[in-house]
Amino acid sequence: STQSTWEIFMSNNQIGGFFNRLEASRKYVMGTAGVFGENGNNLISGVIILRGKEYEPVLSVAPDLESYAVTPLDLEKPEDKKFFEDMLAWEAVIDGKSWADGKMLK
């Protein structure tokens, strides 16, 4: 996730741009990302399902990948599974911030 002082629509546009830059890997990825919080105080977080165990070859087609922290999830862990399910349902809350807007990557 990344913290922002932008308006929600600007942070959501940032998600859209990142997803567009993943076009070369489109057949290997799917997921969702959201903006959490309010105008001027929001953050971006998401989950991406990808083919294989190594994320860098698939996601590094987006030059801004280094702007994001990538943490592999272990769906055997209850907290990771809950985060994953809540993200896909657009019901997650992160750092006390509720889901405000988001995009799907498909």
N, C-alpha and C. Protein backbone atom coordinates (compact mmCIF):
# COMPACT_ATOMS: atom_id res chain seq x y z
N SER A 1 0.85 -1.18 0.00
CA SER A 1 0.00 0.00 0.00
C SER A 1 0.89 1.24 0.00
N THR A 2 0.33 2.32 -0.43
CA THR A 2 1.05 3.59 -0.46
C THR A 2 0.13 4.70 0.05
N GLN A 3 0.67 5.62 0.81
CA GLN A 3 -0.09 6.71 1.42
C GLN A 3 -0.16 7.89 0.46
N SER A 4 -1.28 8.62 0.46
CA SER A 4 -1.45 9.73 -0.46
C SER A 4 -2.18 10.89 0.20
N THR A 5 -1.85 12.08 -0.23
CA THR A 5 -2.60 13.27 0.19
C THR A 5 -3.49 13.75 -0.95
N TRP A 6 -3.67 12.93 -1.96
CA TRP A 6 -4.47 13.27 -3.13
C TRP A 6 -5.96 13.12 -2.85
N GLU A 7 -6.73 13.64 -3.80
CA GLU A 7 -8.17 13.38 -3.81
C GLU A 7 -8.37 11.90 -4.14
N ILE A 8 -9.49 11.34 -3.74
CA ILE A 8 -9.76 9.92 -3.98
C ILE A 8 -9.71 9.59 -5.47
N PHE A 9 -10.30 10.46 -6.31
CA PHE A 9 -10.32 10.14 -7.74
C PHE A 9 -8.91 10.14 -8.33
N MET A 10 -8.01 10.96 -7.78
CA MET A 10 -6.63 10.98 -8.26
C MET A 10 -5.91 9.69 -7.88
N SER A 11 -6.12 9.22 -6.67
CA SER A 11 -5.52 7.96 -6.24
C SER A 11 -6.08 6.81 -7.07
N ASN A 12 -7.39 6.86 -7.37
CA ASN A 12 -8.00 5.82 -8.18
C ASN A 12 -7.43 5.85 -9.61
N ASN A 13 -7.16 7.03 -10.12
CA ASN A 13 -6.52 7.15 -11.44
C ASN A 13 -5.12 6.54 -11.42
N GLN A 14 -4.42 6.68 -10.29
CA GLN A 14 -3.10 6.08 -10.16
C GLN A 14 -3.19 4.55 -10.27
N ILE A 15 -4.22 3.97 -9.67
CA ILE A 15 -4.45 2.53 -9.79
C ILE A 15 -4.68 2.16 -11.25
N GLY A 16 -5.53 2.92 -11.93
CA GLY A 16 -5.82 2.66 -13.33
C GLY A 16 -4.58 2.72 -14.19
N GLY A 17 -3.72 3.69 -13.93
CA GLY A 17 -2.47 3.80 -14.68
C GLY A 17 -1.57 2.61 -14.44
N PHE A 18 -1.46 2.18 -13.19
CA PHE A 18 -0.64 1.01 -12.87
C PHE A 18 -1.19 -0.22 -13.58
N PHE A 19 -2.50 -0.41 -13.51
CA PHE A 19 -3.10 -1.56 -14.19
C PHE A 19 -2.87 -1.49 -15.70
N ASN A 20 -2.97 -0.30 -16.29
CA ASN A 20 -2.70 -0.16 -17.73
C ASN A 20 -1.27 -0.55 -18.07
N ARG A 21 -0.33 -0.20 -17.21
CA ARG A 21 1.08 -0.53 -17.46
C ARG A 21 1.36 -2.02 -17.29
N LEU A 22 0.42 -2.75 -16.71
CA LEU A 22 0.55 -4.21 -16.60
C LEU A 22 0.02 -4.92 -17.84
N GLU A 23 -0.34 -4.19 -18.87
CA GLU A 23 -0.97 -4.77 -20.07
C GLU A 23 -0.15 -5.92 -20.64
N ALA A 24 1.17 -5.80 -20.68
CA ALA A 24 2.01 -6.86 -21.25
C ALA A 24 1.90 -8.17 -20.47
N SER A 25 1.45 -8.11 -19.23
CA SER A 25 1.30 -9.31 -18.39
C SER A 25 -0.16 -9.67 -18.18
N ARG A 26 -1.05 -9.05 -18.91
CA ARG A 26 -2.49 -9.20 -18.66
C ARG A 26 -2.95 -10.65 -18.59
N LYS A 27 -2.40 -11.53 -19.44
CA LYS A 27 -2.87 -12.92 -19.42
C LYS A 27 -2.35 -13.70 -18.22
N TYR A 28 -1.48 -13.09 -17.41
CA TYR A 28 -0.91 -13.77 -16.25
C TYR A 28 -1.42 -13.23 -14.92
N VAL A 29 -2.26 -12.18 -14.93
CA VAL A 29 -2.67 -11.52 -13.68
C VAL A 29 -4.16 -11.22 -13.66
N MET A 30 -4.68 -11.13 -12.43
CA MET A 30 -6.01 -10.59 -12.18
C MET A 30 -6.03 -10.13 -10.73
N GLY A 31 -6.91 -9.22 -10.41
CA GLY A 31 -6.98 -8.76 -9.04
C GLY A 31 -7.79 -7.49 -8.90
N THR A 32 -7.57 -6.81 -7.79
CA THR A 32 -8.28 -5.58 -7.51
C THR A 32 -7.39 -4.69 -6.64
N ALA A 33 -7.62 -3.40 -6.73
CA ALA A 33 -6.94 -2.44 -5.85
C ALA A 33 -7.94 -1.37 -5.48
N GLY A 34 -7.76 -0.81 -4.30
CA GLY A 34 -8.70 0.18 -3.82
C GLY A 34 -8.03 1.37 -3.18
N VAL A 35 -8.81 2.43 -3.09
CA VAL A 35 -8.41 3.63 -2.36
C VAL A 35 -9.17 3.59 -1.04
N PHE A 36 -8.45 3.76 0.05
CA PHE A 36 -9.03 3.70 1.39
C PHE A 36 -8.88 5.05 2.06
N GLY A 37 -9.95 5.53 2.67
CA GLY A 37 -9.87 6.79 3.40
C GLY A 37 -10.73 7.86 2.76
N GLU A 38 -10.20 9.08 2.75
CA GLU A 38 -10.98 10.23 2.29
C GLU A 38 -10.07 11.16 1.49
N ASN A 39 -10.67 12.16 0.89
CA ASN A 39 -9.88 13.13 0.13
C ASN A 39 -8.80 13.74 1.02
N GLY A 40 -7.58 13.75 0.53
CA GLY A 40 -6.47 14.33 1.27
C GLY A 40 -5.83 13.42 2.29
N ASN A 41 -6.43 12.28 2.57
CA ASN A 41 -5.89 11.34 3.55
C ASN A 41 -6.33 9.93 3.16
N ASN A 42 -5.63 9.37 2.17
CA ASN A 42 -6.02 8.05 1.70
C ASN A 42 -4.79 7.23 1.37
N LEU A 43 -5.03 5.95 1.17
CA LEU A 43 -3.96 5.05 0.79
C LEU A 43 -4.49 4.08 -0.25
N ILE A 44 -3.56 3.47 -0.98
CA ILE A 44 -3.88 2.51 -2.02
C ILE A 44 -3.38 1.15 -1.58
N SER A 45 -4.20 0.12 -1.76
CA SER A 45 -3.78 -1.24 -1.48
C SER A 45 -4.52 -2.15 -2.44
N GLY A 46 -3.96 -3.32 -2.70
CA GLY A 46 -4.62 -4.23 -3.61
C GLY A 46 -4.10 -5.65 -3.47
N VAL A 47 -4.77 -6.55 -4.17
CA VAL A 47 -4.33 -7.93 -4.26
C VAL A 47 -4.31 -8.31 -5.74
N ILE A 48 -3.28 -9.02 -6.12
CA ILE A 48 -3.14 -9.48 -7.49
C ILE A 48 -2.83 -10.97 -7.45
N ILE A 49 -3.60 -11.72 -8.20
CA ILE A 49 -3.36 -13.15 -8.37
C ILE A 49 -2.54 -13.29 -9.64
N LEU A 50 -1.45 -14.03 -9.57
CA LEU A 50 -0.64 -14.20 -10.77
C LEU A 50 -0.21 -15.63 -10.95
N ARG A 51 0.12 -15.94 -12.17
CA ARG A 51 0.57 -17.30 -12.50
C ARG A 51 2.00 -17.45 -11.98
N GLY A 52 2.25 -18.52 -11.25
CA GLY A 52 3.59 -18.77 -10.75
C GLY A 52 3.80 -18.21 -9.36
N LYS A 53 5.00 -18.42 -8.84
CA LYS A 53 5.34 -17.99 -7.47
C LYS A 53 6.12 -16.68 -7.45
N GLU A 54 6.79 -16.33 -8.54
CA GLU A 54 7.62 -15.13 -8.59
C GLU A 54 6.82 -13.97 -9.18
N TYR A 55 6.65 -12.90 -8.40
CA TYR A 55 5.87 -11.77 -8.88
C TYR A 55 6.66 -10.81 -9.77
N GLU A 56 7.97 -10.70 -9.54
CA GLU A 56 8.73 -9.67 -10.26
C GLU A 56 8.69 -9.81 -11.78
N PRO A 57 8.89 -11.00 -12.36
CA PRO A 57 8.85 -11.07 -13.83
C PRO A 57 7.50 -10.64 -14.41
N VAL A 58 6.44 -10.86 -13.68
CA VAL A 58 5.11 -10.54 -14.17
C VAL A 58 4.77 -9.06 -13.94
N LEU A 59 5.07 -8.55 -12.75
CA LEU A 59 4.68 -7.19 -12.40
C LEU A 59 5.69 -6.12 -12.81
N SER A 60 6.94 -6.51 -13.06
CA SER A 60 7.96 -5.51 -13.37
C SER A 60 7.78 -4.87 -14.74
N VAL A 61 6.80 -5.32 -15.54
CA VAL A 61 6.49 -4.62 -16.79
C VAL A 61 5.94 -3.22 -16.50
N ALA A 62 5.47 -3.01 -15.29
CA ALA A 62 5.01 -1.68 -14.86
C ALA A 62 6.20 -0.97 -14.22
N PRO A 63 6.71 0.09 -14.86
CA PRO A 63 7.91 0.75 -14.32
C PRO A 63 7.72 1.35 -12.93
N ASP A 64 6.49 1.59 -12.52
CA ASP A 64 6.25 2.16 -11.20
C ASP A 64 6.06 1.11 -10.11
N LEU A 65 6.36 -0.16 -10.42
CA LEU A 65 6.22 -1.22 -9.42
C LEU A 65 6.99 -0.88 -8.14
N GLU A 66 8.15 -0.27 -8.28
CA GLU A 66 8.97 0.04 -7.10
C GLU A 66 8.31 1.06 -6.17
N SER A 67 7.25 1.71 -6.61
CA SER A 67 6.51 2.64 -5.76
C SER A 67 5.62 1.92 -4.75
N TYR A 68 5.45 0.62 -4.95
CA TYR A 68 4.55 -0.16 -4.11
C TYR A 68 5.32 -1.23 -3.34
N ALA A 69 4.86 -1.50 -2.14
CA ALA A 69 5.40 -2.62 -1.36
C ALA A 69 4.62 -3.86 -1.76
N VAL A 70 5.33 -4.93 -2.10
CA VAL A 70 4.69 -6.19 -2.49
C VAL A 70 4.94 -7.22 -1.40
N THR A 71 3.88 -7.78 -0.87
CA THR A 71 3.96 -8.78 0.17
C THR A 71 3.17 -10.02 -0.26
N PRO A 72 3.84 -11.12 -0.53
CA PRO A 72 3.09 -12.34 -0.88
C PRO A 72 2.20 -12.77 0.29
N LEU A 73 1.01 -13.22 -0.05
CA LEU A 73 0.06 -13.70 0.96
C LEU A 73 0.14 -15.21 1.07
N ASP A 74 -0.11 -15.71 2.25
CA ASP A 74 -0.20 -17.14 2.51
C ASP A 74 -1.65 -17.42 2.91
N LEU A 75 -2.44 -17.95 1.99
CA LEU A 75 -3.87 -18.15 2.25
C LEU A 75 -4.15 -19.23 3.28
N GLU A 76 -3.10 -19.91 3.75
CA GLU A 76 -3.25 -20.84 4.87
C GLU A 76 -3.34 -20.07 6.20
N LYS A 77 -2.84 -18.84 6.22
CA LYS A 77 -2.93 -17.98 7.42
C LYS A 77 -4.29 -17.30 7.43
N PRO A 78 -5.03 -17.42 8.52
CA PRO A 78 -6.37 -16.83 8.57
C PRO A 78 -6.39 -15.32 8.29
N GLU A 79 -5.40 -14.57 8.79
CA GLU A 79 -5.40 -13.12 8.57
C GLU A 79 -5.15 -12.77 7.10
N ASP A 80 -4.29 -13.53 6.43
CA ASP A 80 -4.04 -13.30 5.00
C ASP A 80 -5.27 -13.67 4.18
N LYS A 81 -5.91 -14.78 4.54
CA LYS A 81 -7.11 -15.21 3.82
C LYS A 81 -8.23 -14.19 3.97
N LYS A 82 -8.42 -13.67 5.19
CA LYS A 82 -9.45 -12.66 5.43
C LYS A 82 -9.16 -11.40 4.63
N PHE A 83 -7.90 -10.93 4.64
CA PHE A 83 -7.53 -9.75 3.87
C PHE A 83 -7.84 -9.96 2.38
N PHE A 84 -7.43 -11.11 1.85
CA PHE A 84 -7.65 -11.43 0.45
C PHE A 84 -9.14 -11.42 0.11
N GLU A 85 -9.94 -12.11 0.92
CA GLU A 85 -11.39 -12.17 0.67
C GLU A 85 -12.04 -10.80 0.81
N ASP A 86 -11.64 -10.02 1.82
CA ASP A 86 -12.21 -8.69 2.01
C ASP A 86 -11.83 -7.76 0.85
N MET A 87 -10.62 -7.90 0.34
CA MET A 87 -10.19 -7.08 -0.80
C MET A 87 -11.02 -7.41 -2.03
N LEU A 88 -11.21 -8.69 -2.30
CA LEU A 88 -11.98 -9.08 -3.49
C LEU A 88 -13.44 -8.64 -3.37
N ALA A 89 -13.96 -8.56 -2.16
CA ALA A 89 -15.35 -8.14 -1.93
C ALA A 89 -15.47 -6.62 -1.80
N TRP A 90 -14.33 -5.91 -1.86
CA TRP A 90 -14.29 -4.45 -1.67
C TRP A 90 -14.86 -4.07 -0.30
N GLU A 91 -14.57 -4.89 0.72
CA GLU A 91 -15.05 -4.66 2.08
C GLU A 91 -13.90 -4.47 3.08
N ALA A 92 -12.67 -4.43 2.59
CA ALA A 92 -11.52 -4.33 3.49
C ALA A 92 -11.47 -2.96 4.17
N VAL A 93 -10.87 -2.94 5.35
CA VAL A 93 -10.57 -1.71 6.09
C VAL A 93 -9.08 -1.79 6.41
N ILE A 94 -8.34 -0.74 6.05
CA ILE A 94 -6.89 -0.73 6.27
C ILE A 94 -6.51 0.49 7.08
N ASP A 95 -5.79 0.27 8.17
CA ASP A 95 -5.38 1.35 9.07
C ASP A 95 -6.56 2.22 9.47
N GLY A 96 -7.72 1.58 9.69
CA GLY A 96 -8.92 2.31 10.10
C GLY A 96 -9.62 3.04 8.97
N LYS A 97 -9.11 2.90 7.75
CA LYS A 97 -9.69 3.59 6.60
C LYS A 97 -10.56 2.61 5.81
N SER A 98 -11.76 3.04 5.47
CA SER A 98 -12.69 2.21 4.72
C SER A 98 -12.47 2.36 3.22
N TRP A 99 -12.92 1.36 2.48
CA TRP A 99 -12.82 1.34 1.02
C TRP A 99 -13.62 2.53 0.47
N ALA A 100 -13.01 3.36 -0.37
CA ALA A 100 -13.69 4.51 -0.96
C ALA A 100 -13.96 4.33 -2.45
N ASP A 101 -13.02 3.71 -3.17
CA ASP A 101 -13.16 3.52 -4.60
C ASP A 101 -12.12 2.50 -5.04
N GLY A 102 -12.25 1.95 -6.23
CA GLY A 102 -11.28 0.96 -6.66
C GLY A 102 -11.47 0.55 -8.09
N LYS A 103 -10.62 -0.36 -8.51
CA LYS A 103 -10.63 -0.88 -9.87
C LYS A 103 -10.33 -2.37 -9.84
N MET A 104 -10.86 -3.05 -10.87
CA MET A 104 -10.58 -4.47 -11.06
C MET A 104 -9.54 -4.63 -12.17
N LEU A 105 -8.67 -5.57 -12.00
CA LEU A 105 -7.67 -5.94 -13.02
C LEU A 105 -8.08 -7.31 -13.54
N LYS A 106 -8.46 -7.36 -14.82
CA LYS A 106 -8.89 -8.65 -15.38
C LYS A 106 -8.44 -8.78 -16.80
